[in-house]
Every structure is written in structure tokens, then in C-alpha cells.
Amino acid sequence: MNPTELAEAARQRSSRVPAALRERDFRRFWAGETVSLFGDQITLIALPLAGVLALHASAAQMGYLTAAEIAPALVFSLHAGAWLDRRGRRRQTMIVTALGRAALLVTIPVAYWLGVLTLAQLYVVGFLIGTLSVFFFVAYTTLFVSLVPRERYLEANSLLNGSRAFSFVGGPSVGGLLVQALSAPGTLIADAASYLVSAFTMSSISPKEPPTEEAERGHVKAGMRYLWRSPVIRASLLATATINFFNFVFWALFILYVTRTLGVRPGVLGLVLGAASVGGVLGSILTGRISRRLGVGPAFVLSCVLFPAPLVLVPLAHGPYWLVLAMLFAAEFLSGFGVMILDIIGGSIKTALIPDRLRARVAGAYMVVNYGVRPLGALLGGALGTWIGLRPTLWIATIAAIAGVLWLLPSPLLRMRELPEADS
């Protein structure tokens, strides 16, 4: 090939690479997060199994472990946002929290090999990792705007959420194999290594961070006030919190229902759940095209229906075994597709709209509400399932989750064709 043809071939190859990945800092950040997300999925299966297999934890003790991991999001999110908006240095915070989580995870296999691992250590490590994760993800939302031009928000969010969906596909399977090969505690070293990769990639970039703001009266509550006063963010939070609340009512009973009532075997159930991950991957690929065709706001409204609506197929499922499985696969695939569109577009709207000076505080406030409803939904699901039965509770959960879209109908979202300008 002559030089002209070589240059043209190189140009064509470059044009196939997403524009966001041509940004050096974002490319490195995305690569590190992709590795870290796979590590998180490994820990998602390995940490509970460390309690079950190595320490023979009871159901109640496993509940305490889950609570220890969730509690920091409720306790620290608001203050983490206020601290980061006041202090800045988001990249440094992310590096330190990644290294801290790696060090905490390593203590578990070390204690196991020394024969001194206890449930108390798992509780403490779970709580501390949850705390560092709060600071990491609040900082993440504020640093994102420094890595990606405004016109690439949707594309960059699609790439990051696509990595998340791919991690859902492969992470648990890899984690299960590693548990068999290395033991559950030993597998946690893989996630510790992924945090080191994340810290390394963060240390190799140097984005210009958003400005900080001096702490004044009401500094901590400013994020919550903004959530309430912004018609777009308020409506999206109320919709997603409603969907999440009833989705956790649903998930509190889903596995019990499909295994005991529908007779689905555990191995097949794993494949059913994997369908959601495949739907998520497809959603991450098509979100940009859907938002361009429908408009950003209408696409977000559609996703708030497409995420919960397919789950009605679960209480509807009956008949021959093959038909039951087909309905379950369809429910998970379509719901995974919908939630990925919701997460990508919802995250992009918040990124575009929230002013830099409030970004971390709003992220923290949003996390308090959106995470706070989840354990409440799970508790209600257990109570309703005991009181009125599994199938009626699943019907209530799915229909009520779909009704979450009603919060969006009077909002400006239905008229929003492009990403909004930032509030002042």
C-alpha cells in the first residue's frame, strides 16, 4: 500500500474507535474501571462465600454482613459530598480509597491462612470497604466532567456502563471458578489486585478538576435542597427511587419464588440471571442511537417503563417448563436492557445539569435516597410475601414499580430533546 492508502486505512480504523476513547485521560480511566468492575463482581460472590464456606455463617449473620456493606451509603454519603466539594482533590481521594480497599481485602485471606479469620473481621472489613466506596463513587461523579467533553457524556457513560454489564456477564463465573481453585478468602486477592490497577490508572492521569467551594451555613444540606428545587432532578429521583424500592420488594422474593414455586433449578437460574447482563450489554450499545431518535428526555421516560415492565412476566409465568423458562429469560433480558438505558441517560442528564460547585453534594444526597429505599423495599417484600403470598407480592411490586414513571409526566423531561445546560 502507498502512503496515501495507509493514511486512509489508519483514518478509517480511528473513526471506528468511540470518540470518548480518543481522550487519553478518559481512556486510561475507563480501562482501570473496567478491571475494577470485574474485581467487584468477583468479591460480590467471594465475600459472602467466605462467610458461608469458611466460617459457616447463619442466615442472620449473612444479613448482618450485607447490612454492614450497605450502611455506609446511608450514613456517610451526604457528608462525603460536602467534604469533597469543600476539599477538592477528587483524583487523590479515588486513589487513596482504591488502595485502602485493596489493603482491607488482603487482610481476609491473610487471616484465613493464619487460622484467625472471624465473622467480626468480615463485618468490619465490609463496613470499611463500603465507607471507602462511598467516597470513591461520590468523587467519581465529580471527576467525570473533567475527563469527558460535554458532547461525549452519553457516549462515555455508555462505555462505562457497558463495562459494568460485561462484568455482570463474566465476573461471577470467574469468581466461582476462583473460589473452587483458591478458596473464597483467597479469591479476594483478585479484587485487591483490580483496585491496584484502578489506583495506577488514576495516578497516570491529570485532569483539571472542578472548583471547590468554601463551607458556609447549610453547606452539607445544599445537595438535598438542590435535589428538591430542580424539577428535572427531583422528578428523576422520585421515579428511580420508586422503581428501586419496589424492585427490591420484587428481588427479596424472586429467587425463592422461581426455585420453589416454578421449580427452576439453581444452575438454570444462573443462566436466567445472566440474560439480564446480556440485555445490559445490548442496552449500553444502543442507548446513544435510541436517545438520538427519541430525544434524551423521552428515552429516559421510556427506560423507566422498560426496566420494570418486563418483570410482570415472572408472576405470569406458568405452563410447560420450557415456556416458564422462556418467560423468565425474556423478563431478565428486557429488564437488563431497560435498566442500562436508564442508568446511562439518567447519569448523563445529572452530569450535564448539576453545577460543578454542588456536584459531590448532590451525588451524596442522591445516593442517600436512592440507596436508602433498597433495604426498606426488601423488608417490605419479606413481610408481604409472608402475609399475602409470593405471587401476589410480585404482582404488587411490578405494577407499583411501573407506576414510578408517573413522577416524570409533569416534569420537563418529556420535552427534553438534548442534554440540558448546567444550572447556575
Protein backbone atom coordinates (compact mmCIF):
# COMPACT_ATOMS: atom_id res chain seq x y z
CA MET A 1 0.00 0.00 0.00
CA ASN A 2 1.21 3.51 -0.76
CA PRO A 3 1.40 6.21 1.96
CA THR A 4 -1.95 7.70 0.96
CA GLU A 5 -3.70 4.34 1.25
CA LEU A 6 -2.01 3.65 4.60
CA ALA A 7 -3.15 7.04 5.93
CA GLU A 8 -6.71 6.38 4.74
CA ALA A 9 -6.74 2.92 6.38
CA ALA A 10 -5.48 4.43 9.63
CA ARG A 11 -8.16 7.12 9.45
CA GLN A 12 -10.90 4.53 8.95
CA ARG A 13 -9.65 2.46 11.91
CA SER A 14 -9.59 5.60 14.04
CA SER A 15 -13.13 6.51 13.04
CA ARG A 16 -14.36 3.16 14.37
CA VAL A 17 -12.95 3.92 17.82
CA PRO A 18 -15.50 5.77 20.04
CA ALA A 19 -14.56 9.43 20.24
CA ALA A 20 -14.52 9.35 24.05
CA LEU A 21 -11.75 6.73 23.96
CA ARG A 22 -9.58 9.07 21.91
CA GLU A 23 -9.34 11.21 25.05
CA ARG A 24 -6.18 9.92 26.75
CA ASP A 25 -7.24 10.52 30.34
CA PHE A 26 -10.70 9.02 29.88
CA ARG A 27 -9.27 6.02 28.04
CA ARG A 28 -6.98 5.20 30.96
CA PHE A 29 -9.72 5.85 33.49
CA TRP A 30 -12.13 3.57 31.58
CA ALA A 31 -9.54 0.78 31.35
CA GLY A 32 -8.88 0.91 35.10
CA GLU A 33 -12.58 0.98 35.94
CA THR A 34 -13.26 -1.96 33.63
CA VAL A 35 -10.73 -4.09 35.52
CA SER A 36 -12.03 -2.86 38.88
CA LEU A 37 -15.65 -3.63 37.97
CA PHE A 38 -14.74 -7.23 37.16
CA GLY A 39 -12.97 -7.43 40.50
CA ASP A 40 -16.07 -6.11 42.27
CA GLN A 41 -18.17 -8.87 40.75
CA ILE A 42 -15.67 -11.45 41.97
CA THR A 43 -15.91 -10.04 45.51
CA LEU A 44 -19.70 -9.99 45.25
CA ILE A 45 -19.63 -13.79 45.22
CA ALA A 46 -16.39 -14.42 47.15
CA LEU A 47 -17.04 -12.32 50.28
CA PRO A 48 -20.40 -13.94 51.15
CA LEU A 49 -18.94 -17.36 50.36
CA ALA A 50 -16.08 -16.62 52.75
CA GLY A 51 -18.70 -16.27 55.47
CA VAL A 52 -20.67 -19.34 54.36
CA LEU A 53 -17.88 -21.77 53.49
CA ALA A 54 -15.02 -20.69 55.74
CA LEU A 55 -16.98 -19.55 58.82
CA HIS A 56 -20.31 -21.42 58.43
CA ALA A 57 -22.33 -18.22 58.91
CA SER A 58 -26.05 -18.45 59.60
CA ALA A 59 -28.75 -16.62 57.61
CA ALA A 60 -28.91 -13.90 60.27
CA GLN A 61 -25.14 -13.44 60.23
CA MET A 62 -25.17 -13.13 56.43
CA GLY A 63 -27.83 -10.46 56.82
CA TYR A 64 -25.54 -8.57 59.20
CA LEU A 65 -22.72 -8.78 56.64
CA THR A 66 -24.94 -7.35 53.90
CA ALA A 67 -26.11 -4.58 56.24
CA ALA A 68 -22.50 -3.73 57.13
CA GLU A 69 -21.71 -3.20 53.44
CA ILE A 70 -24.85 -1.12 52.74
CA ALA A 71 -24.94 1.03 55.89
CA PRO A 72 -22.10 3.45 54.92
CA ALA A 73 -24.05 4.71 51.90
CA LEU A 74 -26.82 5.86 54.24
CA VAL A 75 -24.52 7.20 56.95
CA PHE A 76 -21.74 8.95 55.04
CA SER A 77 -22.99 9.95 51.57
CA LEU A 78 -24.16 13.46 52.47
CA HIS A 79 -21.01 14.28 54.42
CA ALA A 80 -18.76 12.72 51.78
CA GLY A 81 -20.26 15.01 49.16
CA ALA A 82 -19.87 18.09 51.33
CA TRP A 83 -16.28 17.19 52.21
CA LEU A 84 -15.28 16.65 48.58
CA ASP A 85 -16.94 19.85 47.36
CA ARG A 86 -15.03 21.73 50.06
CA ARG A 87 -11.68 19.94 49.79
CA GLY A 88 -11.43 19.01 46.10
CA ARG A 89 -8.61 16.58 45.17
CA ARG A 90 -11.11 14.05 43.82
CA ARG A 91 -8.46 12.08 41.94
CA GLN A 92 -6.33 11.73 45.07
CA THR A 93 -9.37 10.61 47.03
CA MET A 94 -10.12 7.92 44.46
CA ILE A 95 -6.51 6.68 44.53
CA VAL A 96 -6.42 6.53 48.34
CA THR A 97 -9.80 4.76 48.58
CA ALA A 98 -8.78 2.22 45.91
CA LEU A 99 -5.57 1.43 47.76
CA GLY A 100 -7.44 1.28 51.06
CA ARG A 101 -9.97 -1.22 49.72
CA ALA A 102 -7.16 -3.36 48.32
CA ALA A 103 -5.40 -3.42 51.70
CA LEU A 104 -8.63 -4.26 53.55
CA LEU A 105 -9.44 -7.17 51.23
CA VAL A 106 -5.96 -8.65 51.62
CA THR A 107 -6.46 -8.91 55.39
CA ILE A 108 -9.14 -11.59 54.87
CA PRO A 109 -7.04 -14.25 53.07
CA VAL A 110 -4.10 -13.48 55.36
CA ALA A 111 -6.26 -14.05 58.45
CA TYR A 112 -7.76 -17.17 56.88
CA TRP A 113 -4.34 -18.70 56.14
CA LEU A 114 -3.22 -17.89 59.68
CA GLY A 115 -6.36 -19.54 61.07
CA VAL A 116 -7.67 -16.39 62.81
CA LEU A 117 -10.45 -15.23 60.42
CA THR A 118 -13.70 -14.34 62.21
CA LEU A 119 -17.11 -13.03 61.26
CA ALA A 120 -16.34 -9.86 63.21
CA GLN A 121 -13.45 -9.20 60.83
CA LEU A 122 -15.75 -9.69 57.82
CA TYR A 123 -18.23 -7.20 59.31
CA VAL A 124 -15.51 -4.60 59.93
CA VAL A 125 -13.92 -5.08 56.51
CA GLY A 126 -17.32 -4.94 54.81
CA PHE A 127 -18.22 -1.72 56.63
CA LEU A 128 -14.88 -0.04 55.92
CA ILE A 129 -14.89 -1.06 52.25
CA GLY A 130 -18.44 0.27 51.98
CA THR A 131 -17.30 3.55 53.54
CA LEU A 132 -14.35 3.96 51.17
CA SER A 133 -16.63 3.05 48.25
CA VAL A 134 -18.96 5.91 49.16
CA PHE A 135 -16.11 8.41 48.93
CA PHE A 136 -14.82 6.80 45.73
CA PHE A 137 -18.13 6.95 43.89
CA VAL A 138 -19.04 10.45 45.05
CA ALA A 139 -15.62 11.61 43.82
CA TYR A 140 -16.13 9.62 40.61
CA THR A 141 -19.27 11.58 39.70
CA THR A 142 -17.46 14.90 40.10
CA LEU A 143 -14.27 13.90 38.30
CA PHE A 144 -16.13 12.51 35.29
CA VAL A 145 -16.83 16.00 33.92
CA SER A 146 -13.08 16.70 33.89
CA LEU A 147 -12.38 13.67 31.73
CA VAL A 148 -15.02 13.95 29.03
CA PRO A 149 -16.23 16.86 26.85
CA ARG A 150 -19.88 17.70 27.36
CA GLU A 151 -20.89 16.39 23.93
CA ARG A 152 -19.46 12.96 24.86
CA TYR A 153 -21.30 12.43 28.15
CA LEU A 154 -23.73 9.87 26.72
CA GLU A 155 -21.03 8.00 24.83
CA ALA A 156 -18.67 7.89 27.81
CA ASN A 157 -21.43 6.76 30.15
CA SER A 158 -22.35 4.06 27.62
CA LEU A 159 -18.76 2.80 27.64
CA LEU A 160 -18.54 2.73 31.44
CA ASN A 161 -21.93 1.09 31.84
CA GLY A 162 -21.07 -1.33 29.06
CA SER A 163 -18.04 -2.40 31.08
CA ARG A 164 -20.34 -2.82 34.08
CA ALA A 165 -22.69 -5.01 32.04
CA PHE A 166 -19.78 -7.12 30.74
CA SER A 167 -18.57 -7.54 34.33
CA PHE A 168 -22.01 -8.88 35.27
CA VAL A 169 -21.68 -11.46 32.48
CA GLY A 170 -18.19 -12.74 33.28
CA GLY A 171 -17.34 -11.64 36.81
CA PRO A 172 -19.50 -14.05 38.85
CA SER A 173 -18.47 -17.01 36.67
CA VAL A 174 -14.79 -16.20 37.07
CA GLY A 175 -15.36 -15.64 40.77
CA GLY A 176 -17.00 -19.04 41.16
CA LEU A 177 -14.09 -20.77 39.41
CA LEU A 178 -11.55 -18.90 41.54
CA VAL A 179 -13.41 -19.86 44.73
CA GLN A 180 -13.13 -23.51 43.72
CA ALA A 181 -9.43 -23.14 42.90
CA LEU A 182 -8.22 -20.80 45.65
CA SER A 183 -10.93 -20.85 48.37
CA ALA A 184 -13.34 -17.96 48.95
CA PRO A 185 -10.92 -15.86 51.06
CA GLY A 186 -8.07 -16.43 48.62
CA THR A 187 -10.22 -15.24 45.71
CA LEU A 188 -10.45 -11.78 47.28
CA ILE A 189 -6.84 -11.19 46.26
CA ALA A 190 -8.09 -10.89 42.66
CA ASP A 191 -10.32 -7.93 43.60
CA ALA A 192 -7.49 -6.39 45.65
CA ALA A 193 -5.33 -6.56 42.51
CA SER A 194 -8.09 -4.89 40.48
CA TYR A 195 -8.13 -1.97 42.95
CA LEU A 196 -4.38 -1.60 42.47
CA VAL A 197 -4.95 -1.36 38.70
CA SER A 198 -7.60 1.29 39.32
CA ALA A 199 -5.25 3.28 41.56
CA PHE A 200 -2.45 3.01 39.00
CA THR A 201 -4.58 4.28 36.12
CA MET A 202 -5.91 7.14 38.28
CA SER A 203 -2.35 8.14 39.17
CA SER A 204 -1.43 8.26 35.46
CA ILE A 205 -3.96 10.97 34.55
CA SER A 206 -4.03 14.65 35.40
CA PRO A 207 -7.46 16.15 34.68
CA LYS A 208 -8.37 19.69 35.62
CA GLU A 209 -10.85 19.23 38.45
CA PRO A 210 -14.00 21.28 39.12
CA PRO A 211 -13.57 24.18 41.57
CA THR A 212 -14.13 23.79 45.29
CA GLU A 213 -16.49 25.83 47.48
CA GLU A 214 -15.89 27.20 50.96
CA ALA A 215 -18.06 25.70 53.67
CA GLU A 216 -20.81 28.05 54.82
CA ARG A 217 -24.02 27.63 56.77
CA GLY A 218 -26.10 24.89 55.13
CA HIS A 219 -23.13 23.52 53.19
CA VAL A 220 -23.97 19.87 53.93
CA LYS A 221 -27.70 20.27 53.17
CA ALA A 222 -27.17 22.19 49.92
CA GLY A 223 -27.20 19.00 47.84
CA MET A 224 -30.55 17.91 49.25
CA ARG A 225 -32.01 21.38 48.69
CA TYR A 226 -30.88 21.31 45.06
CA LEU A 227 -32.49 17.90 44.55
CA TRP A 228 -35.81 19.24 45.76
CA ARG A 229 -35.70 22.53 43.82
CA SER A 230 -34.64 21.13 40.44
CA PRO A 231 -37.77 19.90 38.61
CA VAL A 232 -35.74 17.56 36.39
CA ILE A 233 -33.53 16.02 39.08
CA ARG A 234 -36.38 15.83 41.61
CA ALA A 235 -38.66 14.00 39.17
CA SER A 236 -35.92 11.59 38.07
CA LEU A 237 -35.00 10.82 41.69
CA LEU A 238 -38.61 10.21 42.71
CA ALA A 239 -39.10 7.94 39.70
CA THR A 240 -35.92 5.93 40.16
CA ALA A 241 -36.35 5.70 43.94
CA THR A 242 -39.90 4.39 43.47
CA ILE A 243 -38.70 1.85 40.90
CA ASN A 244 -35.79 0.78 43.12
CA PHE A 245 -37.99 0.47 46.20
CA PHE A 246 -40.43 -1.90 44.53
CA ASN A 247 -37.67 -3.64 42.60
CA PHE A 248 -36.18 -4.64 45.95
CA VAL A 249 -39.63 -5.79 47.10
CA PHE A 250 -39.51 -7.99 43.99
CA TRP A 251 -35.95 -9.25 44.45
CA ALA A 252 -36.50 -10.15 48.08
CA LEU A 253 -38.77 -12.93 46.81
CA PHE A 254 -37.66 -13.62 43.24
CA ILE A 255 -35.19 -16.45 43.86
CA LEU A 256 -37.47 -18.08 46.43
CA TYR A 257 -40.43 -17.90 44.02
CA VAL A 258 -38.71 -19.24 40.90
CA THR A 259 -36.98 -22.09 42.71
CA ARG A 260 -39.80 -23.26 44.99
CA THR A 261 -42.97 -22.28 43.10
CA LEU A 262 -41.76 -22.55 39.49
CA GLY A 263 -39.27 -25.38 40.13
CA VAL A 264 -36.31 -23.75 38.37
CA ARG A 265 -33.04 -25.48 39.23
CA PRO A 266 -30.14 -23.37 40.59
CA GLY A 267 -27.92 -23.96 37.56
CA VAL A 268 -30.66 -22.85 35.18
CA LEU A 269 -31.41 -19.88 37.44
CA GLY A 270 -27.84 -18.69 36.95
CA LEU A 271 -28.37 -18.71 33.19
CA VAL A 272 -31.64 -16.81 33.60
CA LEU A 273 -29.91 -14.12 35.64
CA GLY A 274 -27.16 -13.95 33.02
CA ALA A 275 -29.78 -12.93 30.45
CA ALA A 276 -30.09 -9.58 32.26
CA SER A 277 -26.37 -9.00 31.78
CA VAL A 278 -26.63 -9.72 28.05
CA GLY A 279 -29.56 -7.32 27.82
CA GLY A 280 -27.47 -4.74 29.65
CA VAL A 281 -24.61 -5.08 27.17
CA LEU A 282 -27.02 -4.56 24.27
CA GLY A 283 -28.59 -1.59 26.06
CA SER A 284 -25.21 0.07 26.51
CA ILE A 285 -24.55 -0.28 22.77
CA LEU A 286 -27.92 1.06 21.62
CA THR A 287 -28.58 3.83 24.16
CA GLY A 288 -26.94 6.54 22.05
CA ARG A 289 -28.98 5.61 18.99
CA ILE A 290 -32.22 5.46 20.99
CA SER A 291 -31.62 8.85 22.63
CA ARG A 292 -30.87 10.45 19.25
CA ARG A 293 -34.02 9.00 17.75
CA LEU A 294 -36.44 9.80 20.60
CA GLY A 295 -34.68 12.62 22.40
CA VAL A 296 -32.84 12.35 25.71
CA GLY A 297 -35.84 13.03 27.96
CA PRO A 298 -38.38 10.76 26.23
CA ALA A 299 -35.77 7.98 26.06
CA PHE A 300 -35.26 8.28 29.82
CA VAL A 301 -39.03 8.17 30.42
CA LEU A 302 -39.26 5.08 28.21
CA SER A 303 -36.47 3.38 30.17
CA CYS A 304 -38.38 3.94 33.42
CA VAL A 305 -41.09 1.70 31.95
CA LEU A 306 -38.84 -0.74 30.09
CA PHE A 307 -36.83 -1.56 33.22
CA PRO A 308 -39.69 -2.74 35.50
CA ALA A 309 -42.41 -3.70 32.98
CA PRO A 310 -40.87 -6.96 31.66
CA LEU A 311 -40.76 -8.33 35.20
CA VAL A 312 -44.55 -8.87 35.09
CA LEU A 313 -43.65 -11.98 33.09
CA VAL A 314 -42.37 -13.57 36.32
CA PRO A 315 -45.71 -13.78 38.18
CA LEU A 316 -47.36 -14.50 34.79
CA ALA A 317 -45.09 -17.48 34.12
CA HIS A 318 -46.93 -20.81 34.08
CA GLY A 319 -47.47 -23.82 31.85
CA PRO A 320 -44.82 -26.14 30.41
CA TYR A 321 -41.32 -25.85 31.83
CA TRP A 322 -39.89 -24.56 28.55
CA LEU A 323 -42.49 -21.77 28.46
CA VAL A 324 -41.76 -20.78 32.05
CA LEU A 325 -38.06 -20.54 31.25
CA ALA A 326 -38.73 -18.55 28.08
CA MET A 327 -40.79 -16.01 30.06
CA LEU A 328 -38.10 -15.74 32.74
CA PHE A 329 -35.36 -15.26 30.13
CA ALA A 330 -37.42 -12.59 28.38
CA ALA A 331 -38.14 -10.81 31.66
CA GLU A 332 -34.48 -10.66 32.65
CA PHE A 333 -33.15 -9.78 29.21
CA LEU A 334 -35.60 -6.92 28.59
CA SER A 335 -35.30 -5.60 32.14
CA GLY A 336 -31.49 -5.61 31.86
CA PHE A 337 -31.79 -3.75 28.57
CA GLY A 338 -34.08 -1.14 30.15
CA VAL A 339 -32.05 -0.54 33.30
CA MET A 340 -28.90 0.10 31.26
CA ILE A 341 -30.66 2.80 29.21
CA LEU A 342 -31.99 4.30 32.44
CA ASP A 343 -28.58 4.38 34.11
CA ILE A 344 -26.74 5.82 31.10
CA ILE A 345 -29.22 8.56 30.23
CA GLY A 346 -30.08 9.36 33.84
CA GLY A 347 -26.40 9.69 34.73
CA SER A 348 -25.75 11.87 31.68
CA ILE A 349 -28.64 14.22 32.49
CA LYS A 350 -27.41 14.66 36.06
CA THR A 351 -23.85 15.23 34.86
CA ALA A 352 -24.96 17.88 32.38
CA LEU A 353 -27.39 19.70 34.69
CA ILE A 354 -25.79 19.81 38.16
CA PRO A 355 -23.42 22.77 38.68
CA ASP A 356 -19.81 21.87 39.46
CA ARG A 357 -19.81 23.56 42.85
CA LEU A 358 -22.64 21.27 44.06
CA ARG A 359 -21.79 18.11 42.16
CA ALA A 360 -20.42 15.98 45.01
CA ARG A 361 -23.08 17.09 47.50
CA VAL A 362 -25.90 16.32 45.06
CA ALA A 363 -24.33 12.93 44.31
CA GLY A 364 -24.20 12.18 48.03
CA ALA A 365 -27.79 13.30 48.61
CA TYR A 366 -28.99 11.29 45.61
CA MET A 367 -27.21 8.22 46.96
CA VAL A 368 -28.82 8.57 50.39
CA VAL A 369 -32.33 8.49 48.91
CA ASN A 370 -31.73 6.01 46.11
CA TYR A 371 -29.82 3.56 48.32
CA GLY A 372 -31.90 4.22 51.40
CA VAL A 373 -35.10 2.83 49.88
CA ARG A 374 -33.50 -0.51 48.94
CA PRO A 375 -33.32 -2.24 52.33
CA LEU A 376 -36.78 -0.87 53.14
CA GLY A 377 -38.13 -2.45 49.96
CA ALA A 378 -36.51 -5.77 50.81
CA LEU A 379 -38.03 -5.71 54.30
CA LEU A 380 -41.48 -4.92 52.88
CA GLY A 381 -41.11 -7.70 50.33
CA GLY A 382 -40.39 -10.24 53.04
CA ALA A 383 -43.32 -9.03 55.13
CA LEU A 384 -45.82 -9.00 52.24
CA GLY A 385 -44.61 -12.38 50.98
CA THR A 386 -45.31 -13.87 54.40
CA TRP A 387 -48.68 -12.11 54.75
CA ILE A 388 -50.32 -12.40 51.31
CA GLY A 389 -48.07 -14.87 49.48
CA LEU A 390 -45.26 -14.74 46.93
CA ARG A 391 -47.15 -14.28 43.64
CA PRO A 392 -49.48 -11.51 44.85
CA THR A 393 -46.48 -9.64 46.26
CA LEU A 394 -44.63 -9.95 42.95
CA TRP A 395 -47.67 -8.53 41.15
CA ILE A 396 -47.82 -5.58 43.54
CA ALA A 397 -44.09 -4.95 43.19
CA THR A 398 -44.03 -4.97 39.39
CA ILE A 399 -47.14 -2.84 38.88
CA ALA A 400 -46.08 -0.31 41.53
CA ALA A 401 -42.59 -0.08 40.02
CA ILE A 402 -44.05 0.72 36.60
CA ALA A 403 -46.13 3.46 38.25
CA GLY A 404 -42.87 5.22 39.16
CA VAL A 405 -42.89 6.74 35.67
CA LEU A 406 -45.86 8.90 36.73
CA TRP A 407 -43.46 11.20 38.59
CA LEU A 408 -41.91 12.11 35.21
CA LEU A 409 -45.05 13.01 33.30
CA PRO A 410 -45.50 16.58 34.67
CA SER A 411 -41.73 17.26 34.55
CA PRO A 412 -39.75 18.93 31.73
CA LEU A 413 -38.21 15.57 30.79
CA LEU A 414 -40.79 14.70 28.14
CA ARG A 415 -39.84 17.88 26.26
CA MET A 416 -36.07 17.45 26.65
CA ARG A 417 -34.52 16.61 23.28
CA GLU A 418 -30.84 17.25 24.13
CA LEU A 419 -28.79 17.22 27.31
CA PRO A 420 -29.68 20.33 29.34
CA GLU A 421 -27.38 23.25 30.07
CA ALA A 422 -25.89 23.29 33.56
CA ASP A 423 -27.82 25.14 36.26
CA SER A 424 -26.20 28.25 37.61
